Each structure stands twice: as structure tokens, then as C-alpha cells.
Amino acid sequence: MTEIKFGTDGWRGVIAEDFTYDNVRKVAHAIARYVVRAEKPGSGVIIGYDTRFGSERFARVAAETVAATGTPVWLATDACPTPAVSLLVRQRGAGGGIQITASHNPYRWNGIKFKASYGSSASPAIVAQVEAELAKVLRDGVPGLPPRDDLIHALDVRTPYLETLAGLVDWDRLRASKLRFVIDPMHGAGRGLLRELFRRQGIEAGEIRGTRDPLFGGVNPEPIEPHIDALRRAVPEGRYDAGLAFDGDADRIGAVDRDGTFITPHQIFSILLWHMAGTRKLTGDVAKTFSTTKMIDKIALKFGRKVWEMPIGFKHICDRMLESDILLGGEESGGIGTKLHLPERDATVNALLLAEVMAWHGKSLGELVAMLHREFGEHHYGRVDLTLKDGQKEKAIEYFAAQKLNRFLDWPIVRREDLDGVKVYLGDIGWVMVRASGTEPMLRVYSETTRPETTRRVLDEVTALVKRL
């Protein structure tokens, strides 16, 4: 393989096909070249890894490659969340961080995320520099530098991460609420962490799928339907007040109400914004990606906050959080960051904040969603991912971008936007959007309307249409 392409948050590949030791060395060497040239190489690089097959060995290869350039490396002693690496990069003033993970991708995949010195996704400008270094490495190869194992140091990432998170929420309110939670780390890097935080504070919490399983129990480690079916069963069976789920590297959150109803990432984002801007009256605007619910816009309007709409990928949210006073920044996939912590998505932080909202208002997640629907109107969101034949993705995007298309199903197309993919607005009932994935060979179709059956109808019709192209 000669092509290694960075997507919305690093590079991913299929294990043993393109994600190999050789290619990991190439990417790690390119990152090291960037750190040496543009950051603080003497401050070192922190390297972590998730629970995927071979992740700790790939992390060791990356560590050896970076150390060979004379850059100190601190290598995690155990699998850890990606945001824990980001936090340690910032706390220790490191030149950057590398996480071996494919996030929510299926088990056959692995990848590399690079975290910049400010403790979050590398900005588009930094990614461009790393890609320029990578092009040189792919052309010239990785030089045969002598090993520098003396520059590789072990680092406990999980302990300081837990200590930092413990200061983020009102534990007195949580203890007084007597709420009970069950946590689903989906066999990933977040296993044991939130449960331990709750245990230390006297909050009753259980955990499912908390063992390491590189096959992720046969599902994709993404905290959305249908992959969280086990959590949907566990919550009512155990009479818990809520279920909280993380993806494979614990930067994306999902949730389940006490009756087993799935709470979407859009609803979580909306609940947190309503609470933090309204109840807690914290300052700051909002940043959201192009595919995220319009309810955010309505909540922000009520509380006088500006909404920054960004292309897909948390690196764009991070860029805005670094440049502006952003209270909350989030994306459709469940990645949410807050200025109370880092300009970085962190599922454990958001789970804590969500628990705090429930305790503060004495409401279940379902009751909070119903309250938002009453005040801001109903918003029902859906997404399908389509693996298509060559050329079909491009035809789908061209179809919806065409100005001659002025109607879809029962509704006139009243507006188009093309910030990232193509979004068309359907009368006054909502919108539908098509976009090629930045990390996987598929087309994503998104829709949000005022009724769940309407959203389903739109998605089904677009799916059938695209497959005919």
C-alpha cells in the first residue's frame, strides 16, 4: 500500500491489510517529524491505545518509531480513552499525543488519532502539515535510525484522568438524588472508569460489556441503535434510572432512558445545552457540525447564544473552540466537548454532566426530551449508512445538488446548503442530507423532521433512490 489518507480524525485501515506495523511506522514517523519541526519535541509525545486486536503492540511500534527521532515518549500502561490521552498531553505540556484506535469502526479496523499540544483533535492546518510530512515519508521511506528505548517511559493515564473528572460535577446533588445508573463501555477503552467514579462518590452503578473483547461482542462499538440493544435490555431489567454508553475509545456518548428508550446524541447535546446555558447560566456560544439537529439553534436563540455551524469532523469544532468562547461544541455522532474540560469530545465527561442534569431537575432523560419537544417543537432524527457500488455516492450527491430538483416526495425544496455534503430543506417539516464518509467506503444519509414516521419515510425513499442511480 502506498496511499495512507487522513479522514476526519486521523487515519484508519483494516488490520493486516493496510493497518500494518510498516504503515504504523510511516504515520508515526511523519507525526514525529511534525512534532520536531513545529512543536516542543523535548516535551515528548504521549501514546495510548484502545482494546482492539493488537493495539498495545501497534502502540509500542509507534513509540519506538517516535523515540528513534530523539523525541521522548510516554507510553500508556493500559488501554485508555482517547480523551484521557488528550488530557495528559495538555496537563504535561507534551508536544502531542498518539492514540491507537479506530474509534467506532468494526472490529477489523484499527487506526491512529493524533492529538495536538492543546489537548484535542489536530486542526485542519496541523493535519495538512502532518500530511505533508507523510508524503515525504511515503516517498523516501522511514530512515533506519538506531533504537532509543531509553526515551520510552511508562505512564499511568487512567489515574490522573479520573482525578480530573471528579471535579466537574455536583456530587452532593447526585448523591441526594439516589439515582442508579448502568454503564456500557461496549468492551472498549472506557471500561471501569465511570463506574469507579460513581463508586467513589457513593452513587450506585452497574456495568455491562466491561471486559476486553477485540470483537466487541459481535457489534460495532458505536453507541447508537442497534448496537446498544444490550443496554436497552439492561436498564429496565435492573430498574436503573438511565443507561450510559461509550464507543470503542470512549469519546462518543449514547444513552438509554429508564424504560429502554434510546436517547439520541442530538437529544443529549440539546439537554446539556439547555441545562448549561439556561439553568447554570454559563457563558459561551455553541459550535455544531453540519449534520446536527436544528433544536440546538432554537435553544441557543432562546438563551442569546451564537451558533457556529462547522463541517463534519470534531477537528473543526475544536478549531472554533480554540478561537471563540464556546460553551459546548458537538457533532451528530455523539462527540461533545465543553469549555469546562477540554476542546475535545469526551463520553465520560458528558455522561457525568447528563447524570447531573437528571439529579438537578429530578427528571428522567425521557422527561427531559419531552420537555424540550414541548418548548422547541418535535425534532426526530435518523441516519442510514449505505455501502454502494463505485460511482453511486457521487451520483447521489449530484442528484440532490441539482437545481432542477425542486421537490422531494410531498414537499418543495425551499433551500440547499453544501457546507459538507448536500442538505436540502423540505418545506417546513425538516431536511435531508447526503454525504460521503470521510473514513469509510459509504454514503451517509441524514434526515430530521417533525415526526418519526416522516423521518423514516424520507430515509427509506432516499435509500431506494440512491440504489437505483
Protein backbone atom coordinates (compact mmCIF):
# COMPACT_ATOMS: atom_id res chain seq x y z
CA MET A 1 0.00 0.00 0.00
CA THR A 2 1.30 3.46 -0.89
CA GLU A 3 -1.71 5.62 -0.02
CA ILE A 4 -2.45 6.49 3.59
CA LYS A 5 -5.20 9.08 3.78
CA PHE A 6 -6.24 11.06 6.85
CA GLY A 7 -10.01 11.31 7.38
CA THR A 8 -11.99 13.49 9.76
CA ASP A 9 -9.87 12.43 12.75
CA GLY A 10 -6.70 10.63 11.72
CA TRP A 11 -6.04 7.52 9.66
CA ARG A 12 -7.83 4.16 9.80
CA GLY A 13 -7.31 0.90 7.98
CA VAL A 14 -8.17 -2.79 8.04
CA ILE A 15 -5.86 -4.73 10.33
CA ALA A 16 -3.25 -6.79 8.45
CA GLU A 17 -4.37 -5.41 5.09
CA ASP A 18 -3.35 -1.77 5.28
CA PHE A 19 -3.12 -1.22 9.03
CA THR A 20 0.25 -2.93 9.45
CA TYR A 21 3.39 -2.37 11.51
CA ASP A 22 5.08 -0.93 8.43
CA ASN A 23 2.35 1.64 7.81
CA VAL A 24 2.10 2.50 11.52
CA ARG A 25 5.84 3.27 11.43
CA LYS A 26 5.30 5.57 8.44
CA VAL A 27 2.50 7.52 10.09
CA ALA A 28 4.29 7.68 13.46
CA HIS A 29 7.47 8.92 11.78
CA ALA A 30 5.52 11.61 9.93
CA ILE A 31 3.94 12.73 13.21
CA ALA A 32 7.37 12.78 14.86
CA ARG A 33 8.74 14.91 12.00
CA TYR A 34 5.89 17.36 12.53
CA VAL A 35 6.47 17.49 16.32
CA VAL A 36 10.22 18.03 15.86
CA ARG A 37 9.69 20.81 13.35
CA ALA A 38 6.63 22.61 14.72
CA GLU A 39 6.05 21.72 18.38
CA LYS A 40 8.12 21.07 21.52
CA PRO A 41 9.92 17.78 20.83
CA GLY A 42 11.76 17.91 24.15
CA SER A 43 8.40 17.77 25.93
CA GLY A 44 7.70 14.42 24.32
CA VAL A 45 4.74 12.59 22.86
CA ILE A 46 2.14 10.65 24.85
CA ILE A 47 0.95 7.41 23.26
CA GLY A 48 -2.16 5.48 24.28
CA TYR A 49 -4.25 2.69 22.83
CA ASP A 50 -7.71 1.12 22.96
CA THR A 51 -8.87 -2.50 23.38
CA ARG A 52 -8.74 -3.56 19.72
CA PHE A 53 -6.74 -6.50 18.45
CA GLY A 54 -3.04 -5.73 18.69
CA SER A 55 -3.50 -2.13 19.82
CA GLU A 56 -0.85 -2.34 22.55
CA ARG A 57 1.65 -3.80 20.07
CA PHE A 58 0.91 -1.15 17.47
CA ALA A 59 1.34 1.47 20.22
CA ARG A 60 4.76 0.02 21.06
CA VAL A 61 5.78 0.19 17.39
CA ALA A 62 4.66 3.83 17.25
CA ALA A 63 6.57 4.57 20.48
CA GLU A 64 9.77 3.02 19.15
CA THR A 65 9.44 4.95 15.89
CA VAL A 66 8.93 8.32 17.61
CA ALA A 67 11.69 7.68 20.17
CA ALA A 68 14.15 6.86 17.40
CA THR A 69 13.94 10.51 16.30
CA GLY A 70 15.23 11.58 19.73
CA THR A 71 11.78 12.56 20.98
CA PRO A 72 10.84 11.29 24.46
CA VAL A 73 7.75 9.08 24.62
CA TRP A 74 5.37 8.33 27.48
CA LEU A 75 3.55 5.08 26.69
CA ALA A 76 0.30 4.20 28.48
CA THR A 77 0.48 1.17 30.76
CA ASP A 78 -3.10 0.09 29.96
CA ALA A 79 -5.83 0.71 27.41
CA CYS A 80 -7.35 4.14 27.96
CA PRO A 81 -9.87 6.54 26.41
CA THR A 82 -8.69 8.83 23.65
CA PRO A 83 -9.73 11.94 25.66
CA ALA A 84 -7.53 10.71 28.54
CA VAL A 85 -4.53 10.95 26.20
CA SER A 86 -5.67 14.43 25.17
CA LEU A 87 -5.92 15.48 28.81
CA LEU A 88 -2.45 14.21 29.67
CA VAL A 89 -0.99 15.95 26.61
CA ARG A 90 -2.37 19.23 27.89
CA GLN A 91 -1.58 18.69 31.57
CA ARG A 92 2.02 17.65 30.91
CA GLY A 93 2.67 20.20 28.17
CA ALA A 94 3.59 17.49 25.68
CA GLY A 95 4.31 18.14 22.02
CA GLY A 96 1.38 15.93 21.00
CA GLY A 97 -0.38 12.64 21.53
CA ILE A 98 -0.97 9.49 19.52
CA GLN A 99 -3.88 7.13 20.18
CA ILE A 100 -4.05 3.73 18.52
CA THR A 101 -7.77 3.32 17.87
CA ALA A 102 -10.37 3.00 15.14
CA SER A 103 -12.98 4.59 17.41
CA HIS A 104 -16.41 3.20 16.47
CA ASN A 105 -15.36 1.27 13.37
CA PRO A 106 -15.98 -2.50 13.10
CA TYR A 107 -13.51 -4.82 14.84
CA ARG A 108 -11.44 -5.48 11.69
CA TRP A 109 -10.27 -1.88 11.69
CA ASN A 110 -7.65 -0.01 13.67
CA GLY A 111 -6.19 3.45 13.31
CA ILE A 112 -4.16 6.36 14.58
CA LYS A 113 -5.52 9.60 16.01
CA PHE A 114 -3.12 12.48 16.51
CA LYS A 115 -3.81 14.92 19.34
CA ALA A 116 -2.23 18.36 19.19
CA SER A 117 -0.38 20.05 22.05
CA TYR A 118 -3.52 21.90 23.18
CA GLY A 119 -5.17 18.56 24.01
CA SER A 120 -7.63 17.82 21.22
CA SER A 121 -8.03 16.87 17.58
CA ALA A 122 -5.36 18.31 15.34
CA SER A 123 -6.68 21.34 13.49
CA PRO A 124 -7.03 21.20 9.70
CA ALA A 125 -3.88 23.33 9.47
CA ILE A 126 -1.90 20.87 11.61
CA VAL A 127 -3.33 17.89 9.74
CA ALA A 128 -2.12 19.48 6.50
CA GLN A 129 1.40 19.73 7.94
CA VAL A 130 1.35 16.10 9.12
CA GLU A 131 0.09 15.01 5.69
CA ALA A 132 2.92 16.95 4.04
CA GLU A 133 5.43 15.13 6.25
CA LEU A 134 3.70 11.83 5.48
CA ALA A 135 4.03 12.42 1.74
CA LYS A 136 7.80 12.74 2.21
CA VAL A 137 7.92 9.56 4.29
CA LEU A 138 5.89 7.63 1.73
CA ARG A 139 8.29 8.84 -0.95
CA ASP A 140 11.57 8.31 0.90
CA GLY A 141 10.71 5.64 3.46
CA VAL A 142 11.33 5.54 7.22
CA PRO A 143 15.07 6.00 7.88
CA GLY A 144 16.89 3.22 9.71
CA LEU A 145 17.53 5.17 12.89
CA PRO A 146 19.07 3.38 15.90
CA PRO A 147 16.57 2.42 18.61
CA ARG A 148 16.21 4.70 21.64
CA ASP A 149 14.37 2.55 24.17
CA ASP A 150 15.85 4.75 26.90
CA LEU A 151 13.46 7.50 25.74
CA ILE A 152 10.32 5.36 26.21
CA HIS A 153 8.72 5.75 29.64
CA ALA A 154 5.67 4.05 31.14
CA LEU A 155 2.74 6.32 32.06
CA ASP A 156 -0.42 5.68 34.09
CA VAL A 157 -3.00 7.62 32.10
CA ARG A 158 -6.18 6.47 33.84
CA THR A 159 -5.43 7.71 37.38
CA PRO A 160 -4.89 11.43 36.61
CA TYR A 161 -7.80 11.28 34.20
CA LEU A 162 -10.17 10.08 36.92
CA GLU A 163 -8.83 12.66 39.37
CA THR A 164 -9.53 15.48 36.91
CA LEU A 165 -13.04 14.31 36.04
CA ALA A 166 -14.00 14.03 39.71
CA GLY A 167 -14.05 17.84 39.97
CA LEU A 168 -16.53 18.51 37.16
CA VAL A 169 -19.99 17.85 38.63
CA ASP A 170 -22.09 18.48 41.73
CA TRP A 171 -21.70 15.21 43.64
CA ASP A 172 -23.88 16.38 46.52
CA ARG A 173 -26.87 16.70 44.18
CA LEU A 174 -26.12 13.34 42.62
CA ARG A 175 -25.87 11.56 45.95
CA ALA A 176 -29.07 13.20 47.20
CA SER A 177 -30.95 12.14 44.05
CA LYS A 178 -30.45 8.40 44.77
CA LEU A 179 -30.23 7.85 41.01
CA ARG A 180 -28.93 4.48 39.79
CA PHE A 181 -27.03 4.06 36.52
CA VAL A 182 -25.76 1.23 34.36
CA ILE A 183 -22.76 1.84 32.11
CA ASP A 184 -21.99 0.17 28.80
CA PRO A 185 -18.40 0.71 27.60
CA MET A 186 -19.07 -1.74 24.76
CA HIS A 187 -15.90 -3.74 25.61
CA GLY A 188 -13.88 -0.62 24.83
CA ALA A 189 -11.32 1.65 26.45
CA GLY A 190 -13.82 3.32 28.81
CA ARG A 191 -14.40 0.12 30.77
CA GLY A 192 -14.49 0.54 34.52
CA LEU A 193 -13.86 4.30 34.59
CA LEU A 194 -17.29 5.88 35.09
CA ARG A 195 -18.35 3.05 37.38
CA GLU A 196 -15.28 3.75 39.53
CA LEU A 197 -16.04 7.48 39.66
CA PHE A 198 -19.60 6.76 40.76
CA ARG A 199 -18.46 4.15 43.29
CA ARG A 200 -16.03 6.57 44.94
CA GLN A 201 -18.87 9.06 45.41
CA GLY A 202 -21.42 6.59 46.73
CA ILE A 203 -23.51 6.51 43.53
CA GLU A 204 -24.95 3.10 42.69
CA ALA A 205 -23.82 1.97 39.23
CA GLY A 206 -23.57 -1.29 37.32
CA GLU A 207 -21.65 -2.10 34.19
CA ILE A 208 -22.26 -4.40 31.22
CA ARG A 209 -19.85 -5.36 28.45
CA GLY A 210 -16.97 -4.20 30.63
CA THR A 211 -14.45 -6.89 29.66
CA ARG A 212 -11.90 -6.57 26.89
CA ASP A 213 -13.17 -8.17 23.71
CA PRO A 214 -11.45 -7.23 20.42
CA LEU A 215 -14.55 -8.50 18.59
CA PHE A 216 -16.80 -6.14 20.63
CA GLY A 217 -19.33 -8.86 21.27
CA GLY A 218 -20.19 -9.06 17.59
CA VAL A 219 -21.44 -5.47 17.19
CA ASN A 220 -19.81 -2.24 16.10
CA PRO A 221 -18.60 -0.32 19.18
CA GLU A 222 -20.80 2.68 18.35
CA PRO A 223 -23.35 3.78 21.00
CA ILE A 224 -26.34 4.01 18.68
CA GLU A 225 -29.11 1.64 17.64
CA PRO A 226 -28.96 -1.31 17.12
CA HIS A 227 -25.56 -1.73 18.78
CA ILE A 228 -26.85 -0.69 22.22
CA ASP A 229 -29.62 -3.31 22.36
CA ALA A 230 -27.88 -4.98 25.32
CA LEU A 231 -28.06 -1.71 27.25
CA ARG A 232 -31.70 -1.19 26.27
CA ARG A 233 -32.48 -4.52 27.93
CA ALA A 234 -30.24 -3.99 30.95
CA VAL A 235 -31.76 -0.68 32.06
CA PRO A 236 -35.37 -1.80 32.69
CA GLU A 237 -34.26 -5.27 33.83
CA GLY A 238 -32.08 -3.76 36.54
CA ARG A 239 -34.55 -0.95 37.27
CA TYR A 240 -31.86 1.64 36.61
CA ASP A 241 -32.74 5.30 36.05
CA ALA A 242 -30.58 5.54 32.93
CA GLY A 243 -28.00 3.73 30.85
CA LEU A 244 -24.85 5.46 29.62
CA ALA A 245 -22.86 4.05 26.69
CA PHE A 246 -19.44 4.82 25.16
CA ASP A 247 -17.89 3.97 21.84
CA GLY A 248 -14.68 1.96 21.45
CA ASP A 249 -12.32 4.74 22.54
CA ALA A 250 -14.81 6.48 24.84
CA ASP A 251 -15.08 9.85 23.15
CA ARG A 252 -18.68 9.39 21.91
CA ILE A 253 -21.71 9.01 24.16
CA GLY A 254 -25.08 7.31 23.84
CA ALA A 255 -27.83 6.94 26.46
CA VAL A 256 -30.94 4.93 27.30
CA ASP A 257 -33.95 6.11 29.33
CA ARG A 258 -35.28 4.10 32.28
CA ASP A 259 -37.85 2.36 30.05
CA GLY A 260 -35.24 1.28 27.49
CA THR A 261 -35.87 4.12 25.01
CA PHE A 262 -32.75 5.19 23.13
CA ILE A 263 -31.78 8.83 23.74
CA THR A 264 -30.03 10.09 20.60
CA PRO A 265 -26.79 12.08 20.63
CA HIS A 266 -28.77 15.08 19.34
CA GLN A 267 -31.07 14.89 22.34
CA ILE A 268 -28.10 14.57 24.69
CA PHE A 269 -26.46 17.62 23.12
CA SER A 270 -29.74 19.55 23.42
CA ILE A 271 -30.28 18.56 27.06
CA LEU A 272 -26.75 19.60 28.01
CA LEU A 273 -27.01 22.94 26.20
CA TRP A 274 -30.41 23.72 27.75
CA HIS A 275 -29.03 22.96 31.23
CA MET A 276 -25.62 24.61 30.96
CA ALA A 277 -26.76 27.78 29.16
CA GLY A 278 -30.17 28.05 30.83
CA THR A 279 -30.08 26.53 34.32
CA ARG A 280 -26.41 27.08 35.13
CA LYS A 281 -26.18 30.27 33.05
CA LEU A 282 -22.64 29.50 31.93
CA THR A 283 -21.28 31.87 29.31
CA GLY A 284 -20.29 30.97 25.79
CA ASP A 285 -21.67 30.22 22.34
CA VAL A 286 -22.32 26.90 20.59
CA ALA A 287 -20.49 25.05 17.81
CA LYS A 288 -22.09 22.17 15.95
CA THR A 289 -21.36 20.16 12.83
CA PHE A 290 -23.41 20.41 9.64
CA SER A 291 -25.37 17.21 10.31
CA THR A 292 -26.55 18.08 13.83
CA THR A 293 -30.13 18.79 14.99
CA LYS A 294 -31.75 22.17 14.45
CA MET A 295 -33.06 22.04 18.02
CA ILE A 296 -29.64 23.34 19.04
CA ASP A 297 -30.32 26.52 17.04
CA LYS A 298 -33.65 27.07 18.82
CA ILE A 299 -32.20 26.55 22.31
CA ALA A 300 -29.27 28.83 21.52
CA LEU A 301 -31.65 31.52 20.25
CA LYS A 302 -33.64 31.42 23.48
CA PHE A 303 -30.53 31.98 25.59
CA GLY A 304 -28.93 34.50 23.25
CA ARG A 305 -26.05 32.31 22.10
CA LYS A 306 -24.50 32.36 18.65
CA VAL A 307 -24.39 29.07 16.73
CA TRP A 308 -21.30 28.27 14.68
CA GLU A 309 -22.04 25.58 12.08
CA MET A 310 -18.95 23.65 11.02
CA PRO A 311 -18.00 20.90 8.51
CA ILE A 312 -18.15 17.28 9.70
CA GLY A 313 -15.32 16.21 12.00
CA PHE A 314 -14.56 17.29 15.53
CA LYS A 315 -11.32 18.92 14.42
CA HIS A 316 -13.48 21.76 13.01
CA ILE A 317 -15.37 22.07 16.31
CA CYS A 318 -12.05 22.12 18.14
CA ASP A 319 -10.74 24.87 15.88
CA ARG A 320 -13.76 27.02 16.76
CA MET A 321 -13.43 26.23 20.50
CA LEU A 322 -9.82 27.42 20.39
CA GLU A 323 -10.74 30.65 18.60
CA SER A 324 -14.02 31.61 20.34
CA ASP A 325 -15.74 31.37 23.70
CA ILE A 326 -17.64 28.12 23.08
CA LEU A 327 -19.61 26.66 25.96
CA LEU A 328 -20.49 23.46 24.15
CA GLY A 329 -19.36 22.01 20.84
CA GLY A 330 -20.82 18.83 19.39
CA GLU A 331 -21.43 16.58 16.44
CA GLU A 332 -24.13 14.21 15.22
CA SER A 333 -22.18 11.10 16.21
CA GLY A 334 -22.21 11.79 19.96
CA GLY A 335 -18.91 13.65 20.30
CA ILE A 336 -19.40 16.67 22.57
CA GLY A 337 -16.85 18.98 24.15
CA THR A 338 -17.21 21.69 26.79
CA LYS A 339 -15.04 24.56 27.90
CA LEU A 340 -15.38 23.20 31.44
CA HIS A 341 -12.93 20.48 30.46
CA LEU A 342 -11.11 20.35 27.09
CA PRO A 343 -11.76 21.42 23.49
CA GLU A 344 -12.24 17.69 22.99
CA ARG A 345 -15.13 15.22 22.92
CA ASP A 346 -15.24 13.02 25.99
CA ALA A 347 -18.00 10.47 26.63
CA THR A 348 -17.23 10.07 30.33
CA VAL A 349 -17.42 13.82 30.93
CA ASN A 350 -20.73 14.05 29.08
CA ALA A 351 -22.13 11.08 30.99
CA LEU A 352 -21.30 12.83 34.25
CA LEU A 353 -22.94 16.05 33.08
CA LEU A 354 -26.01 14.18 31.89
CA ALA A 355 -26.34 12.49 35.28
CA GLU A 356 -26.01 15.90 36.91
CA VAL A 357 -28.87 17.30 34.77
CA MET A 358 -31.13 14.44 35.87
CA ALA A 359 -30.25 14.99 39.53
CA TRP A 360 -30.57 18.77 39.31
CA HIS A 361 -34.06 18.73 37.75
CA GLY A 362 -35.40 15.49 39.19
CA LYS A 363 -36.37 14.26 35.72
CA SER A 364 -35.65 11.16 33.68
CA LEU A 365 -33.96 11.50 30.29
CA GLY A 366 -37.27 10.83 28.56
CA GLU A 367 -38.98 13.53 30.60
CA LEU A 368 -36.22 15.99 29.68
CA VAL A 369 -36.62 15.19 25.97
CA ALA A 370 -40.42 15.59 26.20
CA MET A 371 -39.94 18.95 27.93
CA LEU A 372 -37.67 20.15 25.10
CA HIS A 373 -40.16 18.96 22.48
CA ARG A 374 -42.96 20.89 24.15
CA GLU A 375 -40.94 24.08 24.24
CA PHE A 376 -39.00 23.92 20.98
CA GLY A 377 -41.08 21.60 18.79
CA GLU A 378 -40.53 17.97 17.93
CA HIS A 379 -37.27 17.02 16.22
CA HIS A 380 -36.89 13.40 15.09
CA TYR A 381 -33.55 12.47 13.60
CA GLY A 382 -32.34 9.43 11.69
CA ARG A 383 -29.32 8.26 9.71
CA VAL A 384 -28.57 5.36 7.41
CA ASP A 385 -25.16 4.31 6.10
CA LEU A 386 -25.15 2.85 2.60
CA THR A 387 -22.33 0.80 1.12
CA LEU A 388 -22.69 1.38 -2.61
CA LYS A 389 -21.18 0.47 -5.95
CA ASP A 390 -18.43 2.63 -7.44
CA GLY A 391 -19.81 5.94 -8.62
CA GLN A 392 -23.12 5.76 -6.77
CA LYS A 393 -22.01 8.08 -3.94
CA GLU A 394 -21.07 10.75 -6.44
CA LYS A 395 -24.32 10.33 -8.37
CA ALA A 396 -26.35 10.70 -5.16
CA ILE A 397 -24.65 13.94 -4.24
CA GLU A 398 -25.05 15.28 -7.78
CA TYR A 399 -28.75 14.34 -7.75
CA PHE A 400 -29.56 16.35 -4.63
CA ALA A 401 -27.28 19.24 -5.60
CA ALA A 402 -29.04 19.71 -8.96
CA GLN A 403 -31.05 22.94 -9.02
CA LYS A 404 -33.66 21.34 -11.30
CA LEU A 405 -34.69 19.13 -8.38
CA ASN A 406 -37.24 21.41 -6.73
CA ARG A 407 -39.42 18.87 -4.97
CA PHE A 408 -38.94 15.67 -2.97
CA LEU A 409 -41.88 13.41 -2.08
CA ASP A 410 -44.67 15.67 -0.73
CA TRP A 411 -42.57 18.77 -0.07
CA PRO A 412 -40.99 21.59 -2.02
CA ILE A 413 -37.25 22.05 -1.68
CA VAL A 414 -37.01 25.53 -0.20
CA ARG A 415 -33.27 25.78 0.40
CA ARG A 416 -29.95 23.98 -0.17
CA GLU A 417 -26.69 24.08 1.76
CA ASP A 418 -23.40 22.45 0.78
CA LEU A 419 -21.04 23.14 3.67
CA ASP A 420 -20.12 19.44 3.80
CA GLY A 421 -22.22 17.19 1.62
CA VAL A 422 -25.60 18.43 0.37
CA LYS A 423 -28.51 19.33 2.66
CA VAL A 424 -31.95 20.14 1.25
CA TYR A 425 -34.76 21.65 3.30
CA LEU A 426 -38.22 20.16 2.73
CA GLY A 427 -40.90 22.81 3.18
CA ASP A 428 -41.38 23.45 6.89
CA ILE A 429 -41.06 19.82 8.03
CA GLY A 430 -37.28 19.43 8.15
CA TRP A 431 -34.33 18.43 5.99
CA VAL A 432 -32.43 15.56 4.38
CA MET A 433 -28.69 15.40 3.74
CA VAL A 434 -26.30 13.14 1.81
CA ARG A 435 -22.56 12.98 2.42
CA ALA A 436 -19.70 10.65 1.55
CA SER A 437 -17.98 9.29 4.67
CA GLY A 438 -14.51 10.62 5.37
CA THR A 439 -13.30 7.37 6.98
CA GLU A 440 -15.32 4.53 5.42
CA PRO A 441 -16.41 3.49 1.89
CA MET A 442 -20.03 4.54 2.25
CA LEU A 443 -22.65 7.23 1.76
CA ARG A 444 -24.33 8.62 4.85
CA VAL A 445 -27.94 9.81 4.60
CA TYR A 446 -29.31 12.02 7.38
CA SER A 447 -32.77 13.44 7.98
CA GLU A 448 -34.61 15.38 10.65
CA THR A 449 -38.34 16.09 10.55
CA THR A 450 -41.20 16.86 12.91
CA ARG A 451 -42.44 13.24 13.11
CA PRO A 452 -40.56 9.94 13.48
CA GLU A 453 -42.56 8.24 10.72
CA THR A 454 -41.80 11.12 8.35
CA THR A 455 -38.08 10.85 9.05
CA ARG A 456 -38.25 7.09 8.40
CA ARG A 457 -40.13 7.63 5.15
CA VAL A 458 -37.58 10.17 3.90
CA LEU A 459 -34.64 7.90 4.73
CA ASP A 460 -36.28 4.89 3.10
CA GLU A 461 -37.09 6.82 -0.07
CA VAL A 462 -33.56 8.26 -0.37
CA THR A 463 -32.08 4.79 0.19
CA ALA A 464 -34.20 3.30 -2.60
CA LEU A 465 -33.48 6.23 -4.91
CA VAL A 466 -29.72 6.12 -4.40
CA LYS A 467 -29.54 2.39 -5.08
CA ARG A 468 -31.28 2.94 -8.42
CA LEU A 469 -28.73 5.53 -9.58
